[in-house]
Amino acid sequence: VASPNLVAIHPDGEIDSFTDLNLDNAVNVLALSGTTLYVGGDFSPYLIAVDTTTKRPIDTFTPTVGGRTFVTSMALSPSGDILYIGGDFTAVEGVSLSNIAAIYTADGSLVSTFKPKTDSSGYVRSMALSSDGSTLYVGGAFNTINEVTYNYLAAINTADGTVISSFNPNLNGYVNALALSGTTLYVGGGFTTI
Protein backbone atom coordinates (compact mmCIF):
# COMPACT_ATOMS: atom_id res chain seq x y z
CA VAL A 1 0.00 0.00 0.00
CA ALA A 2 1.44 3.36 -1.00
CA SER A 3 1.66 5.59 2.06
CA PRO A 4 4.75 7.80 2.04
CA ASN A 5 6.28 8.17 5.51
CA LEU A 6 3.12 7.62 7.60
CA VAL A 7 0.77 4.68 8.02
CA ALA A 8 -1.72 3.25 10.54
CA ILE A 9 -1.73 -0.52 11.01
CA HIS A 10 -4.71 -2.24 12.66
CA PRO A 11 -4.52 -5.52 14.65
CA ASP A 12 -6.07 -7.45 11.75
CA GLY A 13 -3.34 -6.18 9.42
CA GLU A 14 -5.55 -3.60 7.71
CA ILE A 15 -3.58 -0.52 6.69
CA ASP A 16 -4.76 3.07 6.60
CA SER A 17 -2.69 5.28 4.30
CA PHE A 18 -2.12 9.00 4.58
CA THR A 19 -1.23 9.64 0.94
CA ASP A 20 -3.22 12.89 0.83
CA LEU A 21 -0.74 14.48 3.25
CA ASN A 22 2.02 14.47 0.61
CA LEU A 23 4.77 14.10 3.21
CA ASP A 24 7.90 14.70 1.13
CA ASN A 25 10.42 13.48 3.71
CA ALA A 26 10.76 11.40 6.87
CA VAL A 27 8.47 11.50 9.90
CA ASN A 28 10.52 11.56 13.12
CA VAL A 29 7.96 11.77 15.91
CA LEU A 30 4.24 11.31 16.60
CA ALA A 31 2.00 12.41 19.48
CA LEU A 32 -1.64 11.38 19.79
CA SER A 33 -4.45 13.21 21.58
CA GLY A 34 -7.85 11.66 21.00
CA THR A 35 -8.35 11.61 17.23
CA THR A 36 -5.68 14.25 16.64
CA LEU A 37 -2.27 12.99 15.54
CA TYR A 38 0.59 15.48 15.70
CA VAL A 39 3.29 14.67 13.17
CA GLY A 40 6.81 16.12 13.22
CA GLY A 41 9.75 15.45 10.95
CA ASP A 42 12.01 16.43 8.10
CA PHE A 43 9.13 17.05 5.72
CA SER A 44 7.85 20.50 4.84
CA PRO A 45 6.20 22.16 6.82
CA TYR A 46 7.89 20.07 9.58
CA LEU A 47 4.89 19.96 11.92
CA ILE A 48 1.23 19.20 11.21
CA ALA A 49 -1.87 17.89 12.96
CA VAL A 50 -3.98 15.19 11.32
CA ASP A 51 -7.52 14.01 12.02
CA THR A 52 -7.11 10.24 12.33
CA THR A 53 -10.73 9.69 11.28
CA THR A 54 -10.57 11.59 7.99
CA LYS A 55 -6.77 11.23 7.45
CA ARG A 56 -6.74 14.92 6.54
CA PRO A 57 -4.71 17.82 8.00
CA ILE A 58 -6.41 19.96 10.62
CA ASP A 59 -6.54 23.37 9.01
CA THR A 60 -6.66 25.31 12.28
CA PHE A 61 -3.23 23.98 13.32
CA THR A 62 -0.63 25.54 11.04
CA PRO A 63 2.44 26.62 13.04
CA THR A 64 5.37 27.85 10.97
CA VAL A 65 8.66 26.22 11.95
CA GLY A 66 11.78 27.72 10.37
CA GLY A 67 15.52 27.45 10.26
CA ARG A 68 17.77 24.49 9.55
CA THR A 69 14.86 22.59 10.12
CA PHE A 70 13.49 19.37 11.52
CA VAL A 71 11.29 18.32 14.44
CA THR A 72 12.48 15.24 16.35
CA SER A 73 10.59 15.26 19.63
CA MET A 74 7.23 16.17 21.12
CA ALA A 75 5.41 16.09 24.42
CA LEU A 76 1.76 16.92 25.10
CA SER A 77 0.64 18.69 28.25
CA PRO A 78 -1.65 16.60 30.50
CA SER A 79 -4.65 18.70 29.45
CA GLY A 80 -3.69 18.41 25.77
CA ASP A 81 -3.77 22.16 25.21
CA ILE A 82 -0.01 22.64 24.72
CA LEU A 83 2.39 20.74 22.46
CA TYR A 84 6.10 21.00 23.26
CA ILE A 85 8.40 20.45 20.30
CA GLY A 86 12.12 19.94 20.00
CA GLY A 87 14.49 19.57 17.09
CA ASP A 88 16.77 21.70 15.00
CA PHE A 89 15.04 25.01 14.23
CA THR A 90 15.60 28.70 14.78
CA ALA A 91 12.08 30.15 14.71
CA VAL A 92 8.42 29.31 15.29
CA GLU A 93 5.66 31.61 14.09
CA GLY A 94 8.34 34.12 13.09
CA VAL A 95 9.71 34.38 16.62
CA SER A 96 13.41 33.65 17.06
CA LEU A 97 13.85 30.47 19.13
CA SER A 98 16.50 27.82 19.48
CA ASN A 99 15.36 24.20 19.14
CA ILE A 100 12.62 24.17 21.81
CA ALA A 101 9.11 25.63 21.66
CA ALA A 102 5.61 25.33 23.09
CA ILE A 103 2.57 25.63 20.84
CA TYR A 104 -1.13 25.90 21.65
CA THR A 105 -2.89 22.92 20.09
CA ALA A 106 -6.10 24.87 19.46
CA ASP A 107 -4.63 27.11 16.78
CA GLY A 108 -0.89 26.43 16.46
CA SER A 109 0.09 29.75 18.00
CA LEU A 110 3.24 30.09 20.07
CA VAL A 111 3.18 30.07 23.89
CA SER A 112 4.98 33.38 24.30
CA THR A 113 6.02 32.84 27.95
CA PHE A 114 8.05 29.70 27.10
CA LYS A 115 11.35 30.49 25.34
CA PRO A 116 14.22 28.32 26.54
CA LYS A 117 17.06 28.04 24.05
CA THR A 118 19.93 25.67 23.42
CA ASP A 119 23.29 26.68 22.01
CA SER A 120 22.99 27.50 18.32
CA SER A 121 24.99 24.47 17.19
CA GLY A 122 22.97 22.03 19.30
CA TYR A 123 19.57 20.42 18.88
CA VAL A 124 16.96 18.52 20.88
CA ARG A 125 16.35 14.82 20.17
CA SER A 126 14.02 13.73 22.96
CA MET A 127 11.51 15.02 25.52
CA ALA A 128 9.62 13.75 28.55
CA LEU A 129 7.02 15.70 30.51
CA SER A 130 6.23 15.20 34.20
CA SER A 131 2.75 13.88 34.97
CA ASP A 132 1.67 17.24 36.39
CA GLY A 133 3.02 19.07 33.34
CA SER A 134 5.33 21.32 35.36
CA THR A 135 8.72 19.95 34.22
CA LEU A 136 9.90 19.24 30.68
CA TYR A 137 13.02 17.09 30.40
CA VAL A 138 14.96 17.60 27.17
CA GLY A 139 17.83 15.57 25.82
CA GLY A 140 19.92 15.89 22.71
CA ALA A 141 23.17 17.21 21.31
CA PHE A 142 23.54 20.53 23.11
CA ASN A 143 25.84 21.98 25.75
CA THR A 144 23.90 24.95 27.06
CA ILE A 145 20.33 25.95 27.87
CA ASN A 146 19.67 29.65 28.31
CA GLU A 147 23.45 30.24 28.07
CA VAL A 148 24.21 28.06 31.11
CA THR A 149 26.11 24.76 30.78
CA TYR A 150 23.81 21.74 30.72
CA ASN A 151 25.52 18.98 28.77
CA TYR A 152 23.03 16.98 26.70
CA LEU A 153 20.23 16.83 29.31
CA ALA A 154 18.22 19.44 31.21
CA ALA A 155 14.95 20.04 33.04
CA ILE A 156 12.85 23.08 32.17
CA ASN A 157 10.08 24.77 34.15
CA THR A 158 7.09 24.83 31.76
CA ALA A 159 5.55 27.87 33.47
CA ASP A 160 8.26 30.26 32.33
CA GLY A 161 10.92 28.37 30.35
CA THR A 162 13.61 28.67 33.02
CA VAL A 163 16.04 25.82 33.61
CA ILE A 164 15.76 23.89 36.87
CA SER A 165 19.32 24.34 38.13
CA SER A 166 19.15 21.54 40.71
CA PHE A 167 18.96 19.01 37.86
CA ASN A 168 22.26 18.90 35.98
CA PRO A 169 23.53 15.34 35.38
CA ASN A 170 26.38 16.57 33.11
CA LEU A 171 26.60 13.69 30.64
CA ASN A 172 29.62 13.28 28.35
CA GLY A 173 27.63 12.41 25.22
CA TYR A 174 24.36 12.95 23.40
CA VAL A 175 20.89 11.81 24.52
CA ASN A 176 18.53 10.09 22.07
CA ALA A 177 15.71 8.82 24.28
CA LEU A 178 13.89 9.71 27.49
CA ALA A 179 11.16 7.92 29.44
CA LEU A 180 9.67 9.08 32.72
CA SER A 181 8.05 6.85 35.34
CA GLY A 182 6.88 8.84 38.33
CA THR A 183 9.99 10.72 39.42
CA THR A 184 12.47 8.34 37.74
CA LEU A 185 13.87 9.47 34.39
CA TYR A 186 15.31 6.82 32.07
CA VAL A 187 17.91 8.16 29.65
CA GLY A 188 19.41 6.53 26.57
CA GLY A 189 22.01 7.80 24.13
CA GLY A 190 25.70 7.90 23.30
CA PHE A 191 27.32 8.66 26.66
CA THR A 192 29.64 6.78 29.02
CA THR A 193 29.71 8.94 32.15
CA ILE A 194 27.21 10.98 34.13
C-alpha atoms as a PDB file:
ATOM      1  CA  VAL A   1       0.000   0.000   0.000  1.00  0.00           C
ATOM      2  CA  ALA A   2       1.440   3.357  -0.999  1.00  0.00           C
ATOM      3  CA  SER A   3       1.656   5.594   2.065  1.00  0.00           C
ATOM      4  CA  PRO A   4       4.748   7.799   2.040  1.00  0.00           C
ATOM      5  CA  ASN A   5       6.281   8.171   5.508  1.00  0.00           C
ATOM      6  CA  LEU A   6       3.117   7.624   7.602  1.00  0.00           C
ATOM      7  CA  VAL A   7       0.766   4.677   8.024  1.00  0.00           C
ATOM      8  CA  ALA A   8      -1.719   3.253  10.544  1.00  0.00           C
ATOM      9  CA  ILE A   9      -1.730  -0.524  11.005  1.00  0.00           C
ATOM     10  CA  HIS A  10      -4.710  -2.239  12.663  1.00  0.00           C
ATOM     11  CA  PRO A  11      -4.518  -5.522  14.649  1.00  0.00           C
ATOM     12  CA  ASP A  12      -6.072  -7.453  11.747  1.00  0.00           C
ATOM     13  CA  GLY A  13      -3.344  -6.179   9.419  1.00  0.00           C
ATOM     14  CA  GLU A  14      -5.546  -3.600   7.711  1.00  0.00           C
ATOM     15  CA  ILE A  15      -3.580  -0.523   6.690  1.00  0.00           C
ATOM     16  CA  ASP A  16      -4.757   3.073   6.597  1.00  0.00           C
ATOM     17  CA  SER A  17      -2.693   5.277   4.299  1.00  0.00           C
ATOM     18  CA  PHE A  18      -2.123   9.004   4.577  1.00  0.00           C
ATOM     19  CA  THR A  19      -1.233   9.639   0.941  1.00  0.00           C
ATOM     20  CA  ASP A  20      -3.222  12.895   0.827  1.00  0.00           C
ATOM     21  CA  LEU A  21      -0.744  14.483   3.254  1.00  0.00           C
ATOM     22  CA  ASN A  22       2.016  14.470   0.613  1.00  0.00           C
ATOM     23  CA  LEU A  23       4.767  14.095   3.207  1.00  0.00           C
ATOM     24  CA  ASP A  24       7.897  14.701   1.135  1.00  0.00           C
ATOM     25  CA  ASN A  25      10.423  13.476   3.707  1.00  0.00           C
ATOM     26  CA  ALA A  26      10.763  11.397   6.873  1.00  0.00           C
ATOM     27  CA  VAL A  27       8.467  11.498   9.896  1.00  0.00           C
ATOM     28  CA  ASN A  28      10.516  11.564  13.118  1.00  0.00           C
ATOM     29  CA  VAL A  29       7.958  11.767  15.913  1.00  0.00           C
ATOM     30  CA  LEU A  30       4.238  11.311  16.600  1.00  0.00           C
ATOM     31  CA  ALA A  31       2.001  12.412  19.476  1.00  0.00           C
ATOM     32  CA  LEU A  32      -1.644  11.383  19.787  1.00  0.00           C
ATOM     33  CA  SER A  33      -4.452  13.209  21.580  1.00  0.00           C
ATOM     34  CA  GLY A  34      -7.852  11.657  21.002  1.00  0.00           C
ATOM     35  CA  THR A  35      -8.355  11.613  17.226  1.00  0.00           C
ATOM     36  CA  THR A  36      -5.679  14.247  16.635  1.00  0.00           C
ATOM     37  CA  LEU A  37      -2.267  12.986  15.542  1.00  0.00           C
ATOM     38  CA  TYR A  38       0.594  15.480  15.705  1.00  0.00           C
ATOM     39  CA  VAL A  39       3.295  14.671  13.170  1.00  0.00           C
ATOM     40  CA  GLY A  40       6.809  16.117  13.217  1.00  0.00           C
ATOM     41  CA  GLY A  41       9.753  15.447  10.949  1.00  0.00           C
ATOM     42  CA  ASP A  42      12.014  16.434   8.096  1.00  0.00           C
ATOM     43  CA  PHE A  43       9.126  17.050   5.716  1.00  0.00           C
ATOM     44  CA  SER A  44       7.851  20.496   4.844  1.00  0.00           C
ATOM     45  CA  PRO A  45       6.200  22.161   6.825  1.00  0.00           C
ATOM     46  CA  TYR A  46       7.889  20.066   9.579  1.00  0.00           C
ATOM     47  CA  LEU A  47       4.887  19.962  11.923  1.00  0.00           C
ATOM     48  CA  ILE A  48       1.229  19.202  11.209  1.00  0.00           C
ATOM     49  CA  ALA A  49      -1.874  17.889  12.957  1.00  0.00           C
ATOM     50  CA  VAL A  50      -3.980  15.190  11.323  1.00  0.00           C
ATOM     51  CA  ASP A  51      -7.517  14.011  12.021  1.00  0.00           C
ATOM     52  CA  THR A  52      -7.105  10.235  12.327  1.00  0.00           C
ATOM     53  CA  THR A  53     -10.730   9.692  11.282  1.00  0.00           C
ATOM     54  CA  THR A  54     -10.569  11.592   7.991  1.00  0.00           C
ATOM     55  CA  LYS A  55      -6.769  11.233   7.451  1.00  0.00           C
ATOM     56  CA  ARG A  56      -6.741  14.919   6.541  1.00  0.00           C
ATOM     57  CA  PRO A  57      -4.711  17.820   7.996  1.00  0.00           C
ATOM     58  CA  ILE A  58      -6.406  19.956  10.623  1.00  0.00           C
ATOM     59  CA  ASP A  59      -6.536  23.375   9.009  1.00  0.00           C
ATOM     60  CA  THR A  60      -6.660  25.309  12.285  1.00  0.00           C
ATOM     61  CA  PHE A  61      -3.232  23.980  13.323  1.00  0.00           C
ATOM     62  CA  THR A  62      -0.631  25.543  11.043  1.00  0.00           C
ATOM     63  CA  PRO A  63       2.440  26.619  13.041  1.00  0.00           C
ATOM     64  CA  THR A  64       5.373  27.855  10.970  1.00  0.00           C
ATOM     65  CA  VAL A  65       8.664  26.216  11.949  1.00  0.00           C
ATOM     66  CA  GLY A  66      11.777  27.722  10.366  1.00  0.00           C
ATOM     67  CA  GLY A  67      15.519  27.448  10.259  1.00  0.00           C
ATOM     68  CA  ARG A  68      17.774  24.492   9.545  1.00  0.00           C
ATOM     69  CA  THR A  69      14.859  22.590  10.117  1.00  0.00           C
ATOM     70  CA  PHE A  70      13.493  19.371  11.518  1.00  0.00           C
ATOM     71  CA  VAL A  71      11.295  18.324  14.437  1.00  0.00           C
ATOM     72  CA  THR A  72      12.477  15.241  16.345  1.00  0.00           C
ATOM     73  CA  SER A  73      10.592  15.256  19.634  1.00  0.00           C
ATOM     74  CA  MET A  74       7.235  16.171  21.115  1.00  0.00           C
ATOM     75  CA  ALA A  75       5.407  16.090  24.424  1.00  0.00           C
ATOM     76  CA  LEU A  76       1.755  16.925  25.097  1.00  0.00           C
ATOM     77  CA  SER A  77       0.639  18.695  28.254  1.00  0.00           C
ATOM     78  CA  PRO A  78      -1.648  16.600  30.503  1.00  0.00           C
ATOM     79  CA  SER A  79      -4.650  18.699  29.449  1.00  0.00           C
ATOM     80  CA  GLY A  80      -3.690  18.408  25.774  1.00  0.00           C
ATOM     81  CA  ASP A  81      -3.773  22.164  25.211  1.00  0.00           C
ATOM     82  CA  ILE A  82      -0.005  22.639  24.719  1.00  0.00           C
ATOM     83  CA  LEU A  83       2.389  20.739  22.459  1.00  0.00           C
ATOM     84  CA  TYR A  84       6.098  21.000  23.263  1.00  0.00           C
ATOM     85  CA  ILE A  85       8.400  20.446  20.302  1.00  0.00           C
ATOM     86  CA  GLY A  86      12.124  19.939  20.001  1.00  0.00           C
ATOM     87  CA  GLY A  87      14.488  19.573  17.094  1.00  0.00           C
ATOM     88  CA  ASP A  88      16.771  21.699  15.001  1.00  0.00           C
ATOM     89  CA  PHE A  89      15.040  25.006  14.233  1.00  0.00           C
ATOM     90  CA  THR A  90      15.600  28.701  14.781  1.00  0.00           C
ATOM     91  CA  ALA A  91      12.084  30.154  14.714  1.00  0.00           C
ATOM     92  CA  VAL A  92       8.419  29.310  15.293  1.00  0.00           C
ATOM     93  CA  GLU A  93       5.664  31.610  14.086  1.00  0.00           C
ATOM     94  CA  GLY A  94       8.339  34.125  13.087  1.00  0.00           C
ATOM     95  CA  VAL A  95       9.711  34.384  16.618  1.00  0.00           C
ATOM     96  CA  SER A  96      13.414  33.654  17.064  1.00  0.00           C
ATOM     97  CA  LEU A  97      13.851  30.474  19.127  1.00  0.00           C
ATOM     98  CA  SER A  98      16.504  27.818  19.478  1.00  0.00           C
ATOM     99  CA  ASN A  99      15.363  24.197  19.136  1.00  0.00           C
ATOM    100  CA  ILE A 100      12.623  24.171  21.814  1.00  0.00           C
ATOM    101  CA  ALA A 101       9.114  25.627  21.662  1.00  0.00           C
ATOM    102  CA  ALA A 102       5.610  25.331  23.089  1.00  0.00           C
ATOM    103  CA  ILE A 103       2.566  25.631  20.836  1.00  0.00           C
ATOM    104  CA  TYR A 104      -1.126  25.895  21.650  1.00  0.00           C
ATOM    105  CA  THR A 105      -2.888  22.917  20.087  1.00  0.00           C
ATOM    106  CA  ALA A 106      -6.104  24.872  19.463  1.00  0.00           C
ATOM    107  CA  ASP A 107      -4.632  27.113  16.780  1.00  0.00           C
ATOM    108  CA  GLY A 108      -0.890  26.432  16.456  1.00  0.00           C
ATOM    109  CA  SER A 109       0.093  29.752  17.995  1.00  0.00           C
ATOM    110  CA  LEU A 110       3.241  30.091  20.075  1.00  0.00           C
ATOM    111  CA  VAL A 111       3.184  30.067  23.887  1.00  0.00           C
ATOM    112  CA  SER A 112       4.985  33.383  24.305  1.00  0.00           C
ATOM    113  CA  THR A 113       6.021  32.839  27.948  1.00  0.00           C
ATOM    114  CA  PHE A 114       8.047  29.704  27.104  1.00  0.00           C
ATOM    115  CA  LYS A 115      11.350  30.488  25.340  1.00  0.00           C
ATOM    116  CA  PRO A 116      14.216  28.320  26.543  1.00  0.00           C
ATOM    117  CA  LYS A 117      17.064  28.040  24.053  1.00  0.00           C
ATOM    118  CA  THR A 118      19.932  25.675  23.420  1.00  0.00           C
ATOM    119  CA  ASP A 119      23.293  26.684  22.014  1.00  0.00           C
ATOM    120  CA  SER A 120      22.990  27.504  18.317  1.00  0.00           C
ATOM    121  CA  SER A 121      24.988  24.466  17.187  1.00  0.00           C
ATOM    122  CA  GLY A 122      22.974  22.026  19.300  1.00  0.00           C
ATOM    123  CA  TYR A 123      19.574  20.423  18.881  1.00  0.00           C
ATOM    124  CA  VAL A 124      16.956  18.519  20.883  1.00  0.00           C
ATOM    125  CA  ARG A 125      16.355  14.817  20.169  1.00  0.00           C
ATOM    126  CA  SER A 126      14.018  13.733  22.963  1.00  0.00           C
ATOM    127  CA  MET A 127      11.510  15.017  25.519  1.00  0.00           C
ATOM    128  CA  ALA A 128       9.623  13.747  28.551  1.00  0.00           C
ATOM    129  CA  LEU A 129       7.016  15.696  30.511  1.00  0.00           C
ATOM    130  CA  SER A 130       6.231  15.201  34.199  1.00  0.00           C
ATOM    131  CA  SER A 131       2.752  13.885  34.966  1.00  0.00           C
ATOM    132  CA  ASP A 132       1.666  17.241  36.393  1.00  0.00           C
ATOM    133  CA  GLY A 133       3.020  19.070  33.336  1.00  0.00           C
ATOM    134  CA  SER A 134       5.332  21.315  35.358  1.00  0.00           C
ATOM    135  CA  THR A 135       8.716  19.949  34.215  1.00  0.00           C
ATOM    136  CA  LEU A 136       9.904  19.243  30.684  1.00  0.00           C
ATOM    137  CA  TYR A 137      13.024  17.089  30.398  1.00  0.00           C
ATOM    138  CA  VAL A 138      14.961  17.602  27.171  1.00  0.00           C
ATOM    139  CA  GLY A 139      17.833  15.570  25.816  1.00  0.00           C
ATOM    140  CA  GLY A 140      19.917  15.895  22.708  1.00  0.00           C
ATOM    141  CA  ALA A 141      23.167  17.207  21.307  1.00  0.00           C
ATOM    142  CA  PHE A 142      23.536  20.530  23.112  1.00  0.00           C
ATOM    143  CA  ASN A 143      25.843  21.978  25.754  1.00  0.00           C
ATOM    144  CA  THR A 144      23.899  24.946  27.059  1.00  0.00           C
ATOM    145  CA  ILE A 145      20.334  25.945  27.866  1.00  0.00           C
ATOM    146  CA  ASN A 146      19.667  29.653  28.307  1.00  0.00           C
ATOM    147  CA  GLU A 147      23.453  30.237  28.066  1.00  0.00           C
ATOM    148  CA  VAL A 148      24.206  28.061  31.113  1.00  0.00           C
ATOM    149  CA  THR A 149      26.107  24.762  30.783  1.00  0.00           C
ATOM    150  CA  TYR A 150      23.811  21.736  30.716  1.00  0.00           C
ATOM    151  CA  ASN A 151      25.517  18.979  28.771  1.00  0.00           C
ATOM    152  CA  TYR A 152      23.035  16.976  26.699  1.00  0.00           C
ATOM    153  CA  LEU A 153      20.228  16.834  29.306  1.00  0.00           C
ATOM    154  CA  ALA A 154      18.221  19.442  31.207  1.00  0.00           C
ATOM    155  CA  ALA A 155      14.945  20.041  33.035  1.00  0.00           C
ATOM    156  CA  ILE A 156      12.847  23.083  32.174  1.00  0.00           C
ATOM    157  CA  ASN A 157      10.083  24.770  34.145  1.00  0.00           C
ATOM    158  CA  THR A 158       7.089  24.833  31.764  1.00  0.00           C
ATOM    159  CA  ALA A 159       5.550  27.874  33.472  1.00  0.00           C
ATOM    160  CA  ASP A 160       8.261  30.261  32.325  1.00  0.00           C
ATOM    161  CA  GLY A 161      10.924  28.366  30.354  1.00  0.00           C
ATOM    162  CA  THR A 162      13.614  28.671  33.024  1.00  0.00           C
ATOM    163  CA  VAL A 163      16.037  25.815  33.609  1.00  0.00           C
ATOM    164  CA  ILE A 164      15.762  23.887  36.871  1.00  0.00           C
ATOM    165  CA  SER A 165      19.317  24.340  38.129  1.00  0.00           C
ATOM    166  CA  SER A 166      19.148  21.544  40.714  1.00  0.00           C
ATOM    167  CA  PHE A 167      18.959  19.006  37.865  1.00  0.00           C
ATOM    168  CA  ASN A 168      22.259  18.899  35.978  1.00  0.00           C
ATOM    169  CA  PRO A 169      23.526  15.342  35.379  1.00  0.00           C
ATOM    170  CA  ASN A 170      26.381  16.574  33.110  1.00  0.00           C
ATOM    171  CA  LEU A 171      26.604  13.693  30.636  1.00  0.00           C
ATOM    172  CA  ASN A 172      29.619  13.277  28.347  1.00  0.00           C
ATOM    173  CA  GLY A 173      27.632  12.414  25.224  1.00  0.00           C
ATOM    174  CA  TYR A 174      24.365  12.947  23.404  1.00  0.00           C
ATOM    175  CA  VAL A 175      20.889  11.806  24.517  1.00  0.00           C
ATOM    176  CA  ASN A 176      18.528  10.088  22.068  1.00  0.00           C
ATOM    177  CA  ALA A 177      15.707   8.821  24.276  1.00  0.00           C
ATOM    178  CA  LEU A 178      13.894   9.711  27.495  1.00  0.00           C
ATOM    179  CA  ALA A 179      11.161   7.924  29.439  1.00  0.00           C
ATOM    180  CA  LEU A 180       9.669   9.078  32.719  1.00  0.00           C
ATOM    181  CA  SER A 181       8.047   6.848  35.337  1.00  0.00           C
ATOM    182  CA  GLY A 182       6.878   8.835  38.330  1.00  0.00           C
ATOM    183  CA  THR A 183       9.989  10.719  39.419  1.00  0.00           C
ATOM    184  CA  THR A 184      12.469   8.345  37.742  1.00  0.00           C
ATOM    185  CA  LEU A 185      13.875   9.468  34.392  1.00  0.00           C
ATOM    186  CA  TYR A 186      15.313   6.824  32.069  1.00  0.00           C
ATOM    187  CA  VAL A 187      17.909   8.158  29.653  1.00  0.00           C
ATOM    188  CA  GLY A 188      19.408   6.529  26.566  1.00  0.00           C
ATOM    189  CA  GLY A 189      22.011   7.804  24.131  1.00  0.00           C
ATOM    190  CA  GLY A 190      25.701   7.897  23.301  1.00  0.00           C
ATOM    191  CA  PHE A 191      27.323   8.657  26.663  1.00  0.00           C
ATOM    192  CA  THR A 192      29.644   6.782  29.019  1.00  0.00           C
ATOM    193  CA  THR A 193      29.713   8.935  32.154  1.00  0.00           C
ATOM    194  CA  ILE A 194      27.215  10.980  34.131  1.00  0.00           C
END
